[in-house]
Amino acid sequence: MENNIFMQENGFDLAVSKKHKLLIDCYKLRHDVFAKELEWVAQEDNRLEIDKFDFASNHIVISQNQKVNAYMRVTPKHSPWLLTDTFSFLINEGRDHEFLDNSVEVTRLAVDAQFRRLKIHQQFTLCDMLIKGLLQFSLENNIKHWYIVVSQEIFSLLNRRGLDCQQLGKTTVMPDGVRTLAARIDVETFIENCAAYYLDFNMQDQEQQLAA
């Protein structure tokens, strides 16, 4: 999975790459969200949230004027996953689970707090733009399934967005009180049910034509 993806939308740049030039800033955003805000991981003196799953992963980065606004990580099947390591207890109470072929794990979704309510097109947000980038990357790399670990709240939100998340195990209350679960999203089913926005990979070109 080496295909790089680039798109622009309403002043924001999205790129999917293993070695993005703003990757250090992505780790800073992750530290702000997962260490300082959510307290899911320990705070680090260097203010970077990096783990062993990063180095085999592709990184979906949304930026504006060289500032990272949103981020998501995509890890291929034959590399270590959070779901098979840290969160294996969420699937079949820790027993071995057979993951489907042509799958990736999607983790570390983070959006800068100042941009979480921003609408970049109609009702769609930077989170939706991340999903669009993930979908284009998946179509270009024959990825059929996305595996995720999310809160019950995000699980419900994704289903309302048309992602048709299939819960894989029981919902577990984490030490911070968040109800958490593992799920699988089938890409083809998402394409059949999603809004046209997620499939419009040339939106910036169309907006420029309309403005001309």
N, C-alpha and C. Protein backbone atom coordinates (compact mmCIF):
# COMPACT_ATOMS: atom_id res chain seq x y z
N MET A 1 0.84 -1.19 0.00
CA MET A 1 0.00 0.00 0.00
C MET A 1 0.88 1.25 0.00
N GLU A 2 1.42 1.58 -1.18
CA GLU A 2 2.31 2.71 -1.29
C GLU A 2 1.68 3.89 -2.03
N ASN A 3 0.47 3.72 -2.56
CA ASN A 3 -0.14 4.79 -3.34
C ASN A 3 -0.40 6.02 -2.48
N ASN A 4 0.16 7.15 -2.86
CA ASN A 4 -0.11 8.40 -2.17
C ASN A 4 -1.37 9.03 -2.73
N ILE A 5 -2.15 9.64 -1.84
CA ILE A 5 -3.41 10.28 -2.23
C ILE A 5 -3.29 11.77 -1.89
N PHE A 6 -3.76 12.61 -2.80
CA PHE A 6 -3.80 14.05 -2.54
C PHE A 6 -5.16 14.58 -2.99
N MET A 7 -5.75 15.46 -2.19
CA MET A 7 -6.97 16.16 -2.60
C MET A 7 -7.03 17.49 -1.87
N GLN A 8 -7.78 18.41 -2.44
CA GLN A 8 -8.01 19.71 -1.83
C GLN A 8 -9.51 19.98 -1.75
N GLU A 9 -9.90 20.65 -0.68
CA GLU A 9 -11.32 20.93 -0.50
C GLU A 9 -11.50 22.16 0.37
N ASN A 10 -12.07 23.19 -0.20
CA ASN A 10 -12.44 24.37 0.55
C ASN A 10 -11.28 24.93 1.38
N GLY A 11 -10.10 24.96 0.79
CA GLY A 11 -8.94 25.53 1.47
C GLY A 11 -8.13 24.57 2.30
N PHE A 12 -8.57 23.32 2.39
CA PHE A 12 -7.84 22.31 3.15
C PHE A 12 -7.19 21.31 2.20
N ASP A 13 -5.98 20.87 2.56
CA ASP A 13 -5.25 19.86 1.80
C ASP A 13 -5.31 18.53 2.54
N LEU A 14 -5.59 17.46 1.82
CA LEU A 14 -5.54 16.11 2.39
C LEU A 14 -4.49 15.30 1.65
N ALA A 15 -3.68 14.58 2.41
CA ALA A 15 -2.68 13.69 1.83
C ALA A 15 -2.67 12.38 2.60
N VAL A 16 -2.43 11.28 1.88
CA VAL A 16 -2.24 9.97 2.50
C VAL A 16 -0.84 9.50 2.12
N SER A 17 -0.02 9.25 3.12
CA SER A 17 1.37 8.91 2.84
C SER A 17 1.98 8.22 4.06
N LYS A 18 3.03 7.44 3.83
CA LYS A 18 3.77 6.86 4.95
C LYS A 18 4.72 7.87 5.59
N LYS A 19 5.18 8.83 4.80
CA LYS A 19 6.18 9.78 5.30
C LYS A 19 5.76 11.20 4.95
N HIS A 20 4.70 11.65 5.60
CA HIS A 20 4.21 13.01 5.35
C HIS A 20 5.17 14.02 5.98
N LYS A 21 5.37 15.15 5.30
CA LYS A 21 6.30 16.16 5.80
C LYS A 21 5.85 16.79 7.11
N LEU A 22 4.56 16.68 7.44
CA LEU A 22 4.02 17.25 8.69
C LEU A 22 3.77 16.17 9.74
N LEU A 23 4.43 15.03 9.61
CA LEU A 23 4.12 13.91 10.49
C LEU A 23 4.42 14.23 11.96
N ILE A 24 5.49 14.96 12.23
CA ILE A 24 5.79 15.33 13.62
C ILE A 24 4.64 16.15 14.21
N ASP A 25 4.07 17.04 13.40
CA ASP A 25 2.93 17.82 13.88
C ASP A 25 1.70 16.95 14.09
N CYS A 26 1.58 15.87 13.33
CA CYS A 26 0.49 14.91 13.56
C CYS A 26 0.65 14.25 14.92
N TYR A 27 1.87 13.87 15.26
CA TYR A 27 2.12 13.28 16.57
C TYR A 27 1.83 14.26 17.69
N LYS A 28 2.06 15.56 17.44
CA LYS A 28 1.72 16.58 18.44
C LYS A 28 0.21 16.69 18.61
N LEU A 29 -0.54 16.67 17.50
CA LEU A 29 -2.00 16.70 17.59
C LEU A 29 -2.51 15.48 18.34
N ARG A 30 -1.96 14.31 18.03
CA ARG A 30 -2.36 13.10 18.74
C ARG A 30 -2.08 13.22 20.23
N HIS A 31 -0.95 13.81 20.60
CA HIS A 31 -0.64 13.99 22.01
C HIS A 31 -1.65 14.91 22.67
N ASP A 32 -2.02 15.99 21.97
CA ASP A 32 -3.02 16.91 22.52
C ASP A 32 -4.34 16.20 22.78
N VAL A 33 -4.74 15.33 21.83
CA VAL A 33 -6.05 14.68 21.93
C VAL A 33 -6.01 13.47 22.86
N PHE A 34 -5.08 12.55 22.62
CA PHE A 34 -5.13 11.26 23.32
C PHE A 34 -4.41 11.25 24.67
N ALA A 35 -3.44 12.16 24.86
CA ALA A 35 -2.75 12.22 26.14
C ALA A 35 -3.33 13.32 27.04
N LYS A 36 -3.42 14.55 26.51
CA LYS A 36 -3.85 15.67 27.34
C LYS A 36 -5.37 15.74 27.52
N GLU A 37 -6.11 15.57 26.41
CA GLU A 37 -7.57 15.73 26.48
C GLU A 37 -8.26 14.47 27.00
N LEU A 38 -8.03 13.33 26.34
CA LEU A 38 -8.73 12.10 26.70
C LEU A 38 -8.02 11.31 27.81
N GLU A 39 -6.71 11.52 27.96
CA GLU A 39 -5.89 10.82 28.96
C GLU A 39 -5.91 9.31 28.74
N TRP A 40 -5.95 8.90 27.46
CA TRP A 40 -5.90 7.48 27.13
C TRP A 40 -4.48 6.93 27.18
N VAL A 41 -3.50 7.81 26.94
CA VAL A 41 -2.09 7.42 27.02
C VAL A 41 -1.37 8.45 27.89
N ALA A 42 -0.17 8.09 28.34
CA ALA A 42 0.59 8.98 29.21
C ALA A 42 1.12 10.18 28.44
N GLN A 43 1.20 11.31 29.11
CA GLN A 43 1.80 12.49 28.51
C GLN A 43 3.32 12.30 28.43
N GLU A 44 3.90 12.80 27.35
CA GLU A 44 5.34 12.69 27.12
C GLU A 44 6.00 14.06 27.19
N ASP A 45 7.24 14.09 27.65
CA ASP A 45 7.96 15.36 27.77
C ASP A 45 8.12 16.04 26.41
N ASN A 46 8.27 15.24 25.35
CA ASN A 46 8.44 15.82 24.02
C ASN A 46 7.13 16.19 23.34
N ARG A 47 6.00 15.89 24.01
CA ARG A 47 4.65 16.22 23.54
C ARG A 47 4.34 15.56 22.19
N LEU A 48 4.88 14.35 22.00
CA LEU A 48 4.61 13.57 20.80
C LEU A 48 3.98 12.25 21.21
N GLU A 49 2.89 11.87 20.54
CA GLU A 49 2.24 10.57 20.80
C GLU A 49 2.62 9.65 19.64
N ILE A 50 3.58 8.76 19.90
CA ILE A 50 4.09 7.83 18.89
C ILE A 50 4.07 6.43 19.49
N ASP A 51 3.72 5.43 18.69
CA ASP A 51 3.76 4.06 19.19
C ASP A 51 4.29 3.11 18.13
N LYS A 52 4.37 1.83 18.48
CA LYS A 52 4.98 0.83 17.60
C LYS A 52 4.16 0.54 16.36
N PHE A 53 2.92 1.02 16.30
CA PHE A 53 2.05 0.75 15.15
C PHE A 53 2.24 1.78 14.02
N ASP A 54 2.98 2.84 14.30
CA ASP A 54 3.09 3.93 13.33
C ASP A 54 3.93 3.58 12.11
N PHE A 55 4.96 2.78 12.30
CA PHE A 55 6.00 2.71 11.28
C PHE A 55 5.59 1.88 10.06
N ALA A 56 4.61 1.01 10.21
CA ALA A 56 4.09 0.26 9.07
C ALA A 56 2.84 0.91 8.49
N SER A 57 2.42 2.02 9.06
CA SER A 57 1.13 2.61 8.73
C SER A 57 1.24 3.71 7.67
N ASN A 58 0.11 3.96 7.01
CA ASN A 58 -0.07 5.16 6.22
C ASN A 58 -0.81 6.18 7.10
N HIS A 59 -0.56 7.45 6.82
CA HIS A 59 -1.11 8.51 7.64
C HIS A 59 -1.96 9.44 6.77
N ILE A 60 -3.21 9.64 7.18
CA ILE A 60 -4.11 10.56 6.48
C ILE A 60 -4.06 11.89 7.22
N VAL A 61 -3.62 12.92 6.51
CA VAL A 61 -3.36 14.21 7.14
C VAL A 61 -4.13 15.31 6.41
N ILE A 62 -4.89 16.08 7.19
CA ILE A 62 -5.54 17.28 6.65
C ILE A 62 -4.82 18.49 7.24
N SER A 63 -4.45 19.41 6.36
CA SER A 63 -3.72 20.59 6.82
C SER A 63 -4.20 21.82 6.06
N GLN A 64 -3.90 22.96 6.64
CA GLN A 64 -4.21 24.26 6.01
C GLN A 64 -3.07 25.21 6.37
N ASN A 65 -2.41 25.76 5.36
CA ASN A 65 -1.28 26.67 5.59
C ASN A 65 -0.21 26.01 6.46
N GLN A 66 0.08 24.73 6.15
CA GLN A 66 1.14 23.98 6.82
C GLN A 66 0.83 23.68 8.30
N LYS A 67 -0.42 23.79 8.69
CA LYS A 67 -0.83 23.45 10.06
C LYS A 67 -1.75 22.25 10.01
N VAL A 68 -1.46 21.22 10.80
CA VAL A 68 -2.26 20.00 10.82
C VAL A 68 -3.57 20.26 11.54
N ASN A 69 -4.68 19.95 10.88
CA ASN A 69 -6.01 20.16 11.46
C ASN A 69 -6.71 18.86 11.83
N ALA A 70 -6.38 17.75 11.13
CA ALA A 70 -7.05 16.48 11.40
C ALA A 70 -6.15 15.34 10.93
N TYR A 71 -6.38 14.16 11.51
CA TYR A 71 -5.45 13.05 11.27
C TYR A 71 -6.17 11.72 11.48
N MET A 72 -5.68 10.70 10.75
CA MET A 72 -6.16 9.33 10.91
C MET A 72 -5.04 8.38 10.47
N ARG A 73 -4.92 7.23 11.14
CA ARG A 73 -3.87 6.26 10.82
C ARG A 73 -4.48 4.99 10.22
N VAL A 74 -3.80 4.44 9.20
CA VAL A 74 -4.27 3.24 8.50
C VAL A 74 -3.14 2.21 8.53
N THR A 75 -3.40 1.05 9.15
CA THR A 75 -2.37 0.03 9.33
C THR A 75 -2.76 -1.25 8.60
N PRO A 76 -1.88 -1.80 7.75
CA PRO A 76 -2.23 -3.00 6.98
C PRO A 76 -2.37 -4.24 7.86
N LYS A 77 -3.03 -5.25 7.30
CA LYS A 77 -3.41 -6.43 8.07
C LYS A 77 -2.23 -7.19 8.65
N HIS A 78 -1.15 -7.34 7.90
CA HIS A 78 -0.06 -8.21 8.34
C HIS A 78 0.95 -7.48 9.21
N SER A 79 0.58 -6.33 9.72
CA SER A 79 1.38 -5.60 10.70
C SER A 79 0.66 -5.65 12.04
N PRO A 80 1.36 -5.36 13.14
CA PRO A 80 0.68 -5.33 14.45
C PRO A 80 -0.46 -4.31 14.45
N TRP A 81 -1.55 -4.68 15.10
CA TRP A 81 -2.71 -3.81 15.25
C TRP A 81 -2.97 -3.54 16.72
N LEU A 82 -3.53 -2.38 17.02
CA LEU A 82 -4.04 -2.15 18.37
C LEU A 82 -5.08 -3.20 18.75
N LEU A 83 -5.89 -3.59 17.77
CA LEU A 83 -6.99 -4.52 18.03
C LEU A 83 -6.51 -5.93 18.36
N THR A 84 -5.34 -6.30 17.88
CA THR A 84 -4.80 -7.63 18.20
C THR A 84 -3.81 -7.56 19.35
N ASP A 85 -3.48 -6.37 19.80
CA ASP A 85 -2.51 -6.18 20.87
C ASP A 85 -3.20 -5.62 22.11
N THR A 86 -3.38 -4.32 22.13
CA THR A 86 -3.90 -3.65 23.31
C THR A 86 -5.37 -3.95 23.57
N PHE A 87 -6.18 -4.06 22.51
CA PHE A 87 -7.63 -4.19 22.67
C PHE A 87 -8.17 -5.55 22.24
N SER A 88 -7.35 -6.57 22.29
CA SER A 88 -7.82 -7.89 21.85
C SER A 88 -9.00 -8.40 22.67
N PHE A 89 -9.11 -7.95 23.92
CA PHE A 89 -10.21 -8.39 24.78
C PHE A 89 -11.57 -7.92 24.29
N LEU A 90 -11.60 -6.97 23.37
CA LEU A 90 -12.88 -6.48 22.86
C LEU A 90 -13.52 -7.44 21.86
N ILE A 91 -12.73 -8.36 21.32
CA ILE A 91 -13.23 -9.31 20.32
C ILE A 91 -13.27 -10.71 20.92
N ASN A 92 -14.45 -11.26 20.98
CA ASN A 92 -14.62 -12.65 21.45
C ASN A 92 -13.93 -12.89 22.78
N GLU A 93 -13.97 -11.88 23.65
CA GLU A 93 -13.41 -11.99 25.00
C GLU A 93 -11.96 -12.46 24.98
N GLY A 94 -11.22 -11.97 23.98
CA GLY A 94 -9.79 -12.25 23.93
C GLY A 94 -9.40 -13.47 23.13
N ARG A 95 -10.35 -14.26 22.68
CA ARG A 95 -9.99 -15.43 21.87
C ARG A 95 -9.56 -14.98 20.48
N ASP A 96 -8.82 -15.85 19.79
CA ASP A 96 -8.34 -15.52 18.45
C ASP A 96 -9.52 -15.19 17.54
N HIS A 97 -9.37 -14.15 16.74
CA HIS A 97 -10.40 -13.73 15.80
C HIS A 97 -9.82 -13.79 14.40
N GLU A 98 -10.59 -14.31 13.46
CA GLU A 98 -10.13 -14.40 12.08
C GLU A 98 -10.53 -13.12 11.34
N PHE A 99 -9.56 -12.28 11.07
CA PHE A 99 -9.81 -11.03 10.36
C PHE A 99 -9.88 -11.31 8.86
N LEU A 100 -10.76 -10.60 8.19
CA LEU A 100 -10.96 -10.81 6.76
C LEU A 100 -9.77 -10.30 5.96
N ASP A 101 -9.56 -10.92 4.79
CA ASP A 101 -8.49 -10.47 3.90
C ASP A 101 -8.80 -9.07 3.37
N ASN A 102 -7.77 -8.43 2.83
CA ASN A 102 -7.91 -7.08 2.26
C ASN A 102 -8.48 -6.10 3.28
N SER A 103 -7.91 -6.18 4.50
CA SER A 103 -8.39 -5.35 5.60
C SER A 103 -7.30 -4.42 6.11
N VAL A 104 -7.72 -3.33 6.73
CA VAL A 104 -6.81 -2.44 7.44
C VAL A 104 -7.44 -2.09 8.79
N GLU A 105 -6.59 -1.67 9.71
CA GLU A 105 -7.08 -1.11 10.97
C GLU A 105 -6.99 0.41 10.88
N VAL A 106 -8.05 1.08 11.27
CA VAL A 106 -8.12 2.54 11.24
C VAL A 106 -8.15 3.05 12.69
N THR A 107 -7.15 3.85 13.06
CA THR A 107 -7.03 4.28 14.45
C THR A 107 -6.58 5.74 14.53
N ARG A 108 -6.52 6.23 15.77
CA ARG A 108 -5.97 7.54 16.11
C ARG A 108 -6.63 8.71 15.35
N LEU A 109 -7.93 8.61 15.13
CA LEU A 109 -8.64 9.73 14.52
C LEU A 109 -8.60 10.91 15.48
N ALA A 110 -8.07 12.03 14.99
CA ALA A 110 -7.94 13.22 15.84
C ALA A 110 -8.22 14.46 15.01
N VAL A 111 -9.02 15.37 15.57
CA VAL A 111 -9.31 16.65 14.93
C VAL A 111 -9.01 17.76 15.93
N ASP A 112 -8.28 18.76 15.49
CA ASP A 112 -7.99 19.92 16.33
C ASP A 112 -9.30 20.47 16.88
N ALA A 113 -9.33 20.74 18.18
CA ALA A 113 -10.57 21.16 18.84
C ALA A 113 -11.19 22.39 18.19
N GLN A 114 -10.36 23.29 17.64
CA GLN A 114 -10.87 24.52 17.04
C GLN A 114 -11.61 24.27 15.72
N PHE A 115 -11.46 23.07 15.15
CA PHE A 115 -12.02 22.79 13.84
C PHE A 115 -13.09 21.69 13.86
N ARG A 116 -13.47 21.21 15.02
CA ARG A 116 -14.37 20.06 15.08
C ARG A 116 -15.78 20.36 14.60
N ARG A 117 -16.23 21.57 14.76
CA ARG A 117 -17.59 21.93 14.34
C ARG A 117 -17.62 22.62 12.98
N LEU A 118 -16.45 22.80 12.38
CA LEU A 118 -16.39 23.50 11.10
C LEU A 118 -17.01 22.65 9.99
N LYS A 119 -17.89 23.25 9.21
CA LYS A 119 -18.49 22.60 8.05
C LYS A 119 -17.70 23.02 6.81
N ILE A 120 -17.11 22.07 6.11
CA ILE A 120 -16.32 22.40 4.93
C ILE A 120 -17.15 22.28 3.65
N HIS A 121 -18.27 21.56 3.73
CA HIS A 121 -19.18 21.45 2.58
C HIS A 121 -20.53 20.97 3.09
N GLN A 122 -21.54 21.83 2.98
CA GLN A 122 -22.87 21.50 3.51
C GLN A 122 -22.74 21.07 4.97
N GLN A 123 -23.19 19.84 5.32
CA GLN A 123 -23.11 19.41 6.71
C GLN A 123 -21.82 18.65 7.02
N PHE A 124 -20.91 18.55 6.06
CA PHE A 124 -19.75 17.67 6.21
C PHE A 124 -18.57 18.40 6.85
N THR A 125 -17.85 17.68 7.70
CA THR A 125 -16.78 18.22 8.53
C THR A 125 -15.42 17.65 8.11
N LEU A 126 -14.37 18.06 8.82
CA LEU A 126 -13.05 17.50 8.56
C LEU A 126 -13.02 16.00 8.82
N CYS A 127 -13.81 15.52 9.76
CA CYS A 127 -13.90 14.08 10.00
C CYS A 127 -14.43 13.37 8.75
N ASP A 128 -15.41 13.95 8.10
CA ASP A 128 -15.94 13.38 6.86
C ASP A 128 -14.89 13.41 5.75
N MET A 129 -14.10 14.48 5.71
CA MET A 129 -13.04 14.56 4.70
C MET A 129 -12.00 13.47 4.93
N LEU A 130 -11.68 13.16 6.20
CA LEU A 130 -10.78 12.05 6.50
C LEU A 130 -11.34 10.74 5.96
N ILE A 131 -12.64 10.52 6.17
CA ILE A 131 -13.27 9.29 5.68
C ILE A 131 -13.21 9.24 4.16
N LYS A 132 -13.43 10.38 3.50
CA LYS A 132 -13.33 10.41 2.05
C LYS A 132 -11.92 10.03 1.59
N GLY A 133 -10.90 10.57 2.25
CA GLY A 133 -9.53 10.21 1.91
C GLY A 133 -9.27 8.74 2.14
N LEU A 134 -9.79 8.19 3.23
CA LEU A 134 -9.66 6.77 3.51
C LEU A 134 -10.33 5.93 2.44
N LEU A 135 -11.50 6.37 1.97
CA LEU A 135 -12.22 5.62 0.94
C LEU A 135 -11.44 5.63 -0.37
N GLN A 136 -10.93 6.77 -0.78
CA GLN A 136 -10.17 6.81 -2.02
C GLN A 136 -8.92 5.93 -1.92
N PHE A 137 -8.23 6.01 -0.79
CA PHE A 137 -7.05 5.17 -0.58
C PHE A 137 -7.42 3.68 -0.64
N SER A 138 -8.56 3.33 -0.07
CA SER A 138 -9.01 1.93 -0.06
C SER A 138 -9.33 1.46 -1.46
N LEU A 139 -10.00 2.28 -2.25
CA LEU A 139 -10.35 1.88 -3.61
C LEU A 139 -9.10 1.69 -4.47
N GLU A 140 -8.09 2.51 -4.25
CA GLU A 140 -6.87 2.40 -5.05
C GLU A 140 -5.97 1.25 -4.60
N ASN A 141 -6.22 0.72 -3.39
CA ASN A 141 -5.37 -0.35 -2.86
C ASN A 141 -6.14 -1.64 -2.59
N ASN A 142 -7.35 -1.76 -3.15
CA ASN A 142 -8.15 -2.99 -3.03
C ASN A 142 -8.41 -3.37 -1.58
N ILE A 143 -8.67 -2.37 -0.76
CA ILE A 143 -9.02 -2.61 0.64
C ILE A 143 -10.53 -2.79 0.75
N LYS A 144 -10.95 -3.88 1.36
CA LYS A 144 -12.37 -4.22 1.42
C LYS A 144 -13.01 -3.98 2.79
N HIS A 145 -12.20 -3.93 3.83
CA HIS A 145 -12.76 -3.87 5.19
C HIS A 145 -11.90 -2.95 6.06
N TRP A 146 -12.58 -2.18 6.92
CA TRP A 146 -11.91 -1.34 7.91
C TRP A 146 -12.27 -1.87 9.30
N TYR A 147 -11.27 -2.07 10.14
CA TYR A 147 -11.49 -2.45 11.53
C TYR A 147 -11.18 -1.26 12.43
N ILE A 148 -12.03 -1.03 13.41
CA ILE A 148 -11.90 0.14 14.27
C ILE A 148 -12.17 -0.22 15.73
N VAL A 149 -11.63 0.59 16.64
CA VAL A 149 -12.00 0.57 18.05
C VAL A 149 -12.48 1.97 18.39
N VAL A 150 -13.73 2.09 18.81
CA VAL A 150 -14.33 3.41 19.02
C VAL A 150 -15.23 3.39 20.25
N SER A 151 -15.58 4.57 20.70
CA SER A 151 -16.58 4.70 21.76
C SER A 151 -17.96 4.39 21.21
N GLN A 152 -18.89 4.08 22.10
CA GLN A 152 -20.27 3.82 21.69
C GLN A 152 -20.85 5.04 20.99
N GLU A 153 -20.46 6.24 21.43
CA GLU A 153 -20.96 7.47 20.82
C GLU A 153 -20.49 7.60 19.37
N ILE A 154 -19.21 7.35 19.13
CA ILE A 154 -18.68 7.45 17.77
C ILE A 154 -19.25 6.34 16.90
N PHE A 155 -19.44 5.16 17.46
CA PHE A 155 -20.04 4.04 16.73
C PHE A 155 -21.42 4.45 16.19
N SER A 156 -22.22 5.07 17.02
CA SER A 156 -23.55 5.51 16.60
C SER A 156 -23.46 6.61 15.55
N LEU A 157 -22.50 7.53 15.72
CA LEU A 157 -22.32 8.60 14.75
C LEU A 157 -21.93 8.05 13.38
N LEU A 158 -20.99 7.10 13.35
CA LEU A 158 -20.56 6.52 12.08
C LEU A 158 -21.69 5.79 11.38
N ASN A 159 -22.52 5.11 12.12
CA ASN A 159 -23.67 4.44 11.51
C ASN A 159 -24.64 5.46 10.92
N ARG A 160 -24.83 6.58 11.59
CA ARG A 160 -25.69 7.62 11.03
C ARG A 160 -25.10 8.22 9.75
N ARG A 161 -23.77 8.16 9.62
CA ARG A 161 -23.09 8.64 8.43
C ARG A 161 -23.15 7.62 7.29
N GLY A 162 -23.76 6.45 7.53
CA GLY A 162 -23.88 5.46 6.48
C GLY A 162 -22.78 4.42 6.46
N LEU A 163 -21.95 4.34 7.50
CA LEU A 163 -20.82 3.42 7.47
C LEU A 163 -21.20 1.99 7.83
N ASP A 164 -22.38 1.76 8.38
CA ASP A 164 -22.88 0.41 8.66
C ASP A 164 -21.85 -0.42 9.43
N CYS A 165 -21.46 0.08 10.61
CA CYS A 165 -20.47 -0.60 11.44
C CYS A 165 -21.06 -1.88 12.05
N GLN A 166 -20.33 -2.97 11.93
CA GLN A 166 -20.74 -4.26 12.49
C GLN A 166 -19.96 -4.52 13.78
N GLN A 167 -20.65 -4.47 14.92
CA GLN A 167 -19.95 -4.69 16.19
C GLN A 167 -19.45 -6.13 16.26
N LEU A 168 -18.21 -6.31 16.74
CA LEU A 168 -17.56 -7.62 16.71
C LEU A 168 -17.57 -8.32 18.06
N GLY A 169 -17.70 -7.63 19.11
CA GLY A 169 -17.69 -8.23 20.44
C GLY A 169 -18.57 -7.43 21.37
N LYS A 170 -18.32 -7.58 22.65
CA LYS A 170 -19.15 -6.87 23.62
C LYS A 170 -18.66 -5.44 23.82
N THR A 171 -19.56 -4.58 24.28
CA THR A 171 -19.19 -3.23 24.67
C THR A 171 -18.58 -3.28 26.06
N THR A 172 -17.44 -2.63 26.23
CA THR A 172 -16.70 -2.66 27.49
C THR A 172 -16.54 -1.25 28.03
N VAL A 173 -16.77 -1.07 29.31
CA VAL A 173 -16.55 0.23 29.96
C VAL A 173 -15.08 0.31 30.35
N MET A 174 -14.36 1.27 29.76
CA MET A 174 -12.94 1.44 30.01
C MET A 174 -12.73 2.14 31.35
N PRO A 175 -11.49 2.13 31.88
CA PRO A 175 -11.23 2.78 33.17
C PRO A 175 -11.63 4.25 33.23
N ASP A 176 -11.64 4.94 32.07
CA ASP A 176 -12.05 6.35 32.06
C ASP A 176 -13.56 6.51 31.97
N GLY A 177 -14.29 5.37 31.97
CA GLY A 177 -15.74 5.42 31.93
C GLY A 177 -16.34 5.41 30.54
N VAL A 178 -15.51 5.42 29.48
CA VAL A 178 -16.01 5.44 28.11
C VAL A 178 -16.41 4.03 27.68
N ARG A 179 -17.63 3.91 27.15
CA ARG A 179 -18.11 2.63 26.62
C ARG A 179 -17.47 2.41 25.26
N THR A 180 -16.69 1.33 25.12
CA THR A 180 -15.82 1.12 23.96
C THR A 180 -16.11 -0.23 23.32
N LEU A 181 -15.97 -0.29 21.98
CA LEU A 181 -16.22 -1.53 21.27
C LEU A 181 -15.36 -1.61 20.01
N ALA A 182 -15.25 -2.82 19.47
CA ALA A 182 -14.58 -3.06 18.20
C ALA A 182 -15.63 -3.28 17.12
N ALA A 183 -15.31 -2.86 15.90
CA ALA A 183 -16.28 -3.00 14.81
C ALA A 183 -15.56 -3.17 13.48
N ARG A 184 -16.30 -3.68 12.51
CA ARG A 184 -15.81 -3.80 11.14
C ARG A 184 -16.74 -3.03 10.22
N ILE A 185 -16.15 -2.33 9.27
CA ILE A 185 -16.91 -1.60 8.25
C ILE A 185 -16.55 -2.19 6.90
N ASP A 186 -17.55 -2.62 6.15
CA ASP A 186 -17.32 -3.19 4.82
C ASP A 186 -17.40 -2.07 3.79
N VAL A 187 -16.34 -1.90 3.04
CA VAL A 187 -16.22 -0.76 2.13
C VAL A 187 -17.31 -0.77 1.07
N GLU A 188 -17.58 -1.91 0.47
CA GLU A 188 -18.59 -1.97 -0.59
C GLU A 188 -19.97 -1.60 -0.06
N THR A 189 -20.29 -2.05 1.14
CA THR A 189 -21.58 -1.70 1.73
C THR A 189 -21.66 -0.20 2.00
N PHE A 190 -20.56 0.37 2.45
CA PHE A 190 -20.52 1.81 2.68
C PHE A 190 -20.76 2.58 1.38
N ILE A 191 -20.11 2.14 0.30
CA ILE A 191 -20.27 2.82 -0.99
C ILE A 191 -21.72 2.76 -1.45
N GLU A 192 -22.39 1.65 -1.21
CA GLU A 192 -23.79 1.50 -1.62
C GLU A 192 -24.72 2.44 -0.87
N ASN A 193 -24.34 2.84 0.37
CA ASN A 193 -25.26 3.57 1.22
C ASN A 193 -24.83 4.99 1.57
N CYS A 194 -23.61 5.36 1.21
CA CYS A 194 -23.08 6.64 1.69
C CYS A 194 -23.59 7.81 0.85
N ALA A 195 -23.46 9.00 1.41
CA ALA A 195 -23.79 10.22 0.68
C ALA A 195 -22.81 10.41 -0.48
N ALA A 196 -23.28 11.10 -1.53
CA ALA A 196 -22.46 11.32 -2.72
C ALA A 196 -21.16 12.05 -2.38
N TYR A 197 -21.17 12.84 -1.31
CA TYR A 197 -19.97 13.59 -0.91
C TYR A 197 -18.74 12.70 -0.81
N TYR A 198 -18.89 11.53 -0.21
CA TYR A 198 -17.72 10.68 0.05
C TYR A 198 -17.10 10.12 -1.22
N LEU A 199 -17.85 10.10 -2.30
CA LEU A 199 -17.35 9.55 -3.57
C LEU A 199 -16.90 10.63 -4.54
N ASP A 200 -17.04 11.90 -4.15
CA ASP A 200 -16.68 13.00 -5.03
C ASP A 200 -15.24 13.41 -4.74
N PHE A 201 -14.29 12.75 -5.42
CA PHE A 201 -12.88 12.98 -5.16
C PHE A 201 -12.33 14.18 -5.92
N ASN A 202 -13.16 14.84 -6.73
CA ASN A 202 -12.72 15.99 -7.52
C ASN A 202 -13.49 17.25 -7.16
N MET A 203 -13.93 17.34 -5.92
CA MET A 203 -14.80 18.44 -5.51
C MET A 203 -14.11 19.78 -5.68
N GLN A 204 -12.82 19.90 -5.37
CA GLN A 204 -12.12 21.18 -5.49
C GLN A 204 -12.14 21.67 -6.92
N ASP A 205 -11.92 20.75 -7.87
CA ASP A 205 -11.94 21.14 -9.28
C ASP A 205 -13.31 21.68 -9.67
N GLN A 206 -14.37 21.03 -9.18
CA GLN A 206 -15.72 21.46 -9.51
C GLN A 206 -16.00 22.84 -8.90
N GLU A 207 -15.55 23.07 -7.65
CA GLU A 207 -15.80 24.35 -7.02
C GLU A 207 -15.08 25.48 -7.77
N GLN A 208 -13.85 25.19 -8.23
CA GLN A 208 -13.13 26.20 -8.97
C GLN A 208 -13.82 26.52 -10.30
N GLN A 209 -14.38 25.50 -10.96
CA GLN A 209 -15.08 25.72 -12.22
C GLN A 209 -16.33 26.57 -12.02
N LEU A 210 -17.03 26.32 -10.91
CA LEU A 210 -18.24 27.08 -10.64
C LEU A 210 -17.90 28.54 -10.33
N ALA A 211 -16.72 28.76 -9.73
CA ALA A 211 -16.33 30.12 -9.36
C ALA A 211 -15.77 30.90 -10.55
N ALA A 212 -15.39 30.18 -11.60
CA ALA A 212 -14.76 30.83 -12.74
C ALA A 212 -15.76 31.65 -13.55
